[in-house]
Structures are given as C-alpha cells and as structure tokens.
Amino acid sequence: MPNKTIYVSDDDLPLYQRAQELVQGNLSAAITTALRRFVEVEEERRAGFKEITVKVGSPPNRKQRFFGELLGEWGRQSKSRVEMYKLFRTRNNKFAVHIERSPDWMWERSTGNGGWFERVTSYLGMGDQTWGHTAGEARLEVVETVDELREKIPPELFEMVKGALENPTVEDLDI
C-alpha cells in the first residue's frame, strides 16, 4: 500500500487528533471517508443538485437525505391542521414527494349557561377551555413516472410544476 504524506498546520492538529480518537486510531480510514463524502457532495452540486434532508415518521423525528432539486411546494390549512407538499426531481430522474402534516388540534370551550359574562370571556379567548392534539407526521414517497406522480400530489401542485416535469434538468446546447 503506498504511503502519502499530509502536512497539517498547527491550528488543524486538534481536529486530526479528535478524528483519530473517534475512529480508534485509524486516521487514514477517517480521511478516506471524509474525502469520499466531499467528492460525492461536490460532484452533485456541480451537476446542479443540492443535498436535501427531510424529516419523516410520526412524529417526524427521523431524517432521510438525497440529492435533488426542488420543483415546487404547495400547502393547505384546515381549522385544525396544516398539510405541506414539496416536490423534488432526484439525481436519478425520479420524483420525490415530501408530505408533512402538522399535529391535528382539537379545541373546546365550555358552553355553560351562555350569560353575557361567559360570552365576553369566550370571545376574548378566556374562560374554561380544553384542547389536545395528535402527533404530526411526515413521509417521503418516490415515484418513477409523471403518471405515478399525478396520483401522489394535489392537482394544484401538479399544474404548477407541469412545465418543469416535461423539460430536462440540463439542456446541452451545441453552439
């Protein structure tokens, strides 16, 4: 195996020492892992993609990461919940849909006898109240075709991004 010498400045020495501690002595493996990750990210960036990290699960506490480009976002709000869609084209020319739903909130105010004082405090948001909510949730769905995508997203979002779906990410010009 060939040897390579790396010169490290005094200011960077603590970083290398900490990396060596974390990999239990095999600094070469740590450097190779870091360089592999750097090259992957830089090549994707130069190809026009960004590293996308989204939260998934119920509640959304896990993360998933991929390379892609954002094509569009669309959301809707009801009385008790917000729903958000983000559509990405991936580096492998697939479509990734991130769907995030906020907690579903429930509110109640006491009805009592409906006297003037109760009506005023209710109007001001004071008085006896109860509330609760479910956990929010998020998921990432990946599809390969535009037809599959149409079934996964609201029609409004599909209409917004229809032009981007039909055009390539990069157009090579012979000029």
Protein backbone atom coordinates (compact mmCIF):
# COMPACT_ATOMS: atom_id res chain seq x y z
CA MET A 1 0.00 0.00 0.00
CA PRO A 2 1.51 3.37 -0.99
CA ASN A 3 2.26 5.98 1.64
CA LYS A 4 1.12 9.57 1.28
CA THR A 5 2.30 12.39 3.48
CA ILE A 6 -0.20 15.02 4.59
CA TYR A 7 1.10 18.21 6.14
CA VAL A 8 -1.16 19.53 8.88
CA SER A 9 -0.96 23.05 10.25
CA ASP A 10 -0.62 23.50 14.00
CA ASP A 11 -4.07 25.09 14.10
CA ASP A 12 -5.66 21.99 12.50
CA LEU A 13 -3.82 19.42 14.61
CA PRO A 14 -6.58 19.18 17.30
CA LEU A 15 -9.10 18.33 14.54
CA TYR A 16 -6.93 15.45 13.28
CA GLN A 17 -6.32 14.21 16.81
CA ARG A 18 -10.06 14.20 17.58
CA ALA A 19 -10.80 12.37 14.32
CA GLN A 20 -8.20 9.76 15.22
CA GLU A 21 -9.83 9.28 18.65
CA LEU A 22 -13.29 8.87 17.08
CA VAL A 23 -12.09 6.14 14.68
CA GLN A 24 -9.99 4.48 17.38
CA GLY A 25 -6.65 5.13 15.75
CA ASN A 26 -7.31 4.57 12.02
CA LEU A 27 -6.94 8.15 10.79
CA SER A 28 -6.46 7.01 7.20
CA ALA A 29 -9.96 5.47 7.18
CA ALA A 30 -11.46 8.66 8.60
CA ILE A 31 -9.77 10.81 5.96
CA THR A 32 -10.88 8.46 3.17
CA THR A 33 -14.50 8.50 4.42
CA ALA A 34 -14.48 12.29 4.65
CA LEU A 35 -12.95 12.68 1.18
CA ARG A 36 -15.43 10.22 -0.34
CA ARG A 37 -18.32 12.22 1.11
CA PHE A 38 -16.79 15.53 -0.01
CA VAL A 39 -16.32 14.28 -3.59
CA GLU A 40 -19.89 12.92 -3.75
CA VAL A 41 -21.42 16.18 -2.50
CA GLU A 42 -19.24 18.37 -4.71
CA GLU A 43 -19.94 16.33 -7.86
CA GLU A 44 -23.70 16.51 -7.23
CA ARG A 45 -23.50 20.25 -6.56
CA ARG A 46 -21.64 20.80 -9.84
CA ALA A 47 -24.32 18.76 -11.63
CA GLY A 48 -26.93 21.21 -10.31
CA PHE A 49 -28.32 19.20 -7.41
CA LYS A 50 -28.49 20.05 -3.75
CA GLU A 51 -28.35 17.79 -0.75
CA ILE A 52 -31.92 17.56 0.57
CA THR A 53 -32.67 16.41 4.12
CA VAL A 54 -36.27 15.85 5.20
CA LYS A 55 -37.84 14.66 8.43
CA VAL A 56 -40.07 11.57 8.32
CA GLY A 57 -42.10 9.47 10.74
CA SER A 58 -44.86 10.00 13.25
CA PRO A 59 -43.81 12.18 14.95
CA PRO A 60 -41.27 13.30 12.33
CA ASN A 61 -38.04 12.63 14.20
CA ARG A 62 -36.05 10.56 11.67
CA LYS A 63 -34.21 12.12 8.75
CA GLN A 64 -33.75 10.97 5.16
CA ARG A 65 -31.25 12.53 2.77
CA PHE A 66 -30.89 12.54 -1.01
CA PHE A 67 -29.66 14.73 -3.86
CA GLY A 68 -32.22 16.58 -5.93
CA GLU A 69 -33.77 19.85 -6.99
CA LEU A 70 -36.94 21.44 -5.64
CA LEU A 71 -39.64 21.72 -8.33
CA GLY A 72 -42.41 23.21 -6.21
CA GLU A 73 -44.24 23.50 -2.90
CA TRP A 74 -47.92 23.58 -2.12
CA GLY A 75 -49.86 23.68 1.15
CA ARG A 76 -53.33 23.81 2.61
CA GLN A 77 -54.69 24.65 6.03
CA SER A 78 -57.85 23.46 7.70
CA LYS A 79 -59.26 24.58 11.03
CA SER A 80 -57.04 22.16 12.91
CA ARG A 81 -54.17 21.06 10.65
CA VAL A 82 -51.63 22.19 8.06
CA GLU A 83 -50.55 19.94 5.18
CA MET A 84 -47.43 20.74 3.14
CA TYR A 85 -46.18 19.10 -0.09
CA LYS A 86 -42.67 19.54 -1.51
CA LEU A 87 -41.84 18.02 -4.88
CA PHE A 88 -38.26 17.21 -5.91
CA ARG A 89 -36.62 15.75 -9.00
CA THR A 90 -33.85 13.39 -7.84
CA ARG A 91 -30.43 12.92 -9.37
CA ASN A 92 -31.68 9.61 -10.83
CA ASN A 93 -34.52 11.44 -12.61
CA LYS A 94 -37.21 10.15 -10.24
CA PHE A 95 -39.69 12.26 -8.31
CA ALA A 96 -39.65 12.52 -4.52
CA VAL A 97 -42.70 13.90 -2.72
CA HIS A 98 -42.29 15.03 0.89
CA ILE A 99 -45.66 15.25 2.63
CA GLU A 100 -45.76 16.86 6.05
CA ARG A 101 -48.86 17.07 8.24
CA SER A 102 -48.89 19.16 11.38
CA PRO A 103 -50.43 17.90 14.61
CA ASP A 104 -54.24 17.71 14.43
CA TRP A 105 -55.51 20.15 17.07
CA MET A 106 -58.85 19.96 18.89
CA TRP A 107 -60.25 22.93 20.86
CA GLU A 108 -63.35 23.20 23.02
CA ARG A 109 -64.77 25.97 25.15
CA SER A 110 -67.28 25.37 27.89
CA THR A 111 -70.83 26.29 26.96
CA GLY A 112 -72.27 26.94 30.42
CA ASN A 113 -75.49 28.98 30.62
CA GLY A 114 -74.46 31.49 27.93
CA GLY A 115 -74.74 34.65 30.05
CA TRP A 116 -73.18 37.92 28.92
CA PHE A 117 -70.00 37.46 31.02
CA GLU A 118 -69.41 33.99 29.60
CA ARG A 119 -69.99 35.22 26.03
CA VAL A 120 -67.47 38.07 26.54
CA THR A 121 -64.78 35.84 28.10
CA SER A 122 -65.33 33.24 25.38
CA TYR A 123 -64.99 35.92 22.69
CA LEU A 124 -61.73 37.11 24.28
CA GLY A 125 -60.41 33.56 24.44
CA MET A 126 -60.61 33.39 28.23
CA GLY A 127 -62.60 31.06 30.40
CA ASP A 128 -62.71 27.28 30.57
CA GLN A 129 -61.10 25.56 27.58
CA THR A 130 -59.86 22.10 26.72
CA TRP A 131 -57.52 21.10 23.93
CA GLY A 132 -55.45 18.23 22.63
CA HIS A 133 -53.60 17.11 19.54
CA THR A 134 -52.28 14.11 17.71
CA ALA A 135 -48.64 13.82 16.67
CA GLY A 136 -47.65 15.36 13.37
CA GLU A 137 -46.39 13.09 10.64
CA ALA A 138 -44.24 13.23 7.53
CA ARG A 139 -43.28 10.83 4.79
CA LEU A 140 -41.19 10.72 1.62
CA GLU A 141 -42.62 8.91 -1.39
CA VAL A 142 -40.57 8.23 -4.52
CA VAL A 143 -42.09 7.52 -7.93
CA GLU A 144 -40.54 6.99 -11.34
CA THR A 145 -43.09 8.39 -13.77
CA VAL A 146 -45.15 11.52 -14.22
CA ASP A 147 -48.32 9.39 -14.25
CA GLU A 148 -47.45 7.92 -10.83
CA LEU A 149 -46.64 11.40 -9.58
CA ARG A 150 -50.03 12.77 -10.65
CA GLU A 151 -51.70 10.31 -8.23
CA LYS A 152 -49.48 11.35 -5.28
CA ILE A 153 -49.83 15.13 -5.28
CA PRO A 154 -52.72 17.61 -5.28
CA PRO A 155 -53.84 18.70 -8.78
CA GLU A 156 -52.91 22.32 -7.96
CA LEU A 157 -49.27 21.37 -7.37
CA PHE A 158 -49.20 19.21 -10.49
CA GLU A 159 -50.43 22.13 -12.61
CA MET A 160 -47.80 24.43 -11.05
CA VAL A 161 -44.88 22.15 -11.95
CA LYS A 162 -46.17 20.57 -15.18
CA GLY A 163 -43.74 22.58 -17.32
CA ALA A 164 -40.73 21.61 -15.21
CA LEU A 165 -41.71 17.93 -15.42
CA GLU A 166 -41.61 17.93 -19.19
CA ASN A 167 -38.26 19.70 -19.54
CA PRO A 168 -34.83 18.24 -18.79
CA THR A 169 -32.86 19.48 -15.81
CA VAL A 170 -29.92 20.43 -18.02
CA GLU A 171 -30.18 21.22 -21.68
CA ASP A 172 -26.94 20.69 -23.59
CA LEU A 173 -26.56 23.23 -26.37
CA ASP A 174 -24.39 22.58 -29.40
CA ILE A 175 -23.43 26.19 -30.07
